[in-house]
Amino acid sequence: IAPEASVIDLSHHIPPQDVAAARFVLWHSYRYFPEGSIFVCVVDPGVGSDRAIMAVQTRQHTYLAPDNGLLDYVLAETTPRQILRIENPKVMLPTISRTFHGRDIFAPAAAHLAAGFPFTQLGPLHRYQVPPSPFVQARPQAALTARVLHADHFGNLITNCLLPPDWQGRVRVGGRSLLMLRTYGEVEVGHALALRGSHGLLELSIREGNAAQVFRLGPGDPIEVLGS
């Protein structure tokens, strides 16, 4: 369909059916892709049901994804120009299975778009409520409750709390108070710390350990953030 298209495998390490993990990985990755990129986002526990397959066009990118919250973080900070429901059989394979829409609908629709198929002909308009931003901003001398967004491969707990580069303060979790540090190497192996991670978000870590297991926390769990 589009033999000259460049295909980048953004991730095949999302845990099965983990929409929250996919939502976070897409959010921290999309901004690094050039204008005109098409994202095929298939973490789709509802495959074969009446859930919509959305095509979302923003100023820079196009996203194909099930309407299951996967795009929430991206669309909270990018303005969609148009949101359609993919229903045009011209962009699908001739035979559609009930269990593999990634192969039968998502991938061929993306290929047709890459080959020049008009976005507006994918299907009818789709009603989608753009969610509020999930992120909170840490402020000096102010306390707030952050929440875990994601536990990464190393067990680091990444929260929704945006930190300025020079923020000083403490984090309280599981009855323990953690000081903000800059690097993992500032504590001994096995010790806990809080730091500003590569996404500009507050993270809780165990040096050479797994904070998610030690603190027994995961997405949605609260973290108390105390300003300096």
Foldseek 3Di string as FASTA:
>chain_A
DAVPDDDDCQDPPDPQLCLLALLVSCLLPVVPDFFAEEAQRDRCPPQLHPFFFKWWAFPGYIYTGTPPCSPQQVCQPTPTPFMFTQDDCVQFAPDDDRPCCSNTHRVSNNSVVVVPDDPVPRHGGDDDDRDHHLADEDDAQDKDKWWFRFQDPQQKTWTRYAYDQPFWWWKDAPNDIATEDDDLVVDDQQDWHWYQDPSRTIIIDGHSHHNCVVRVGGGGDIMMIGHD
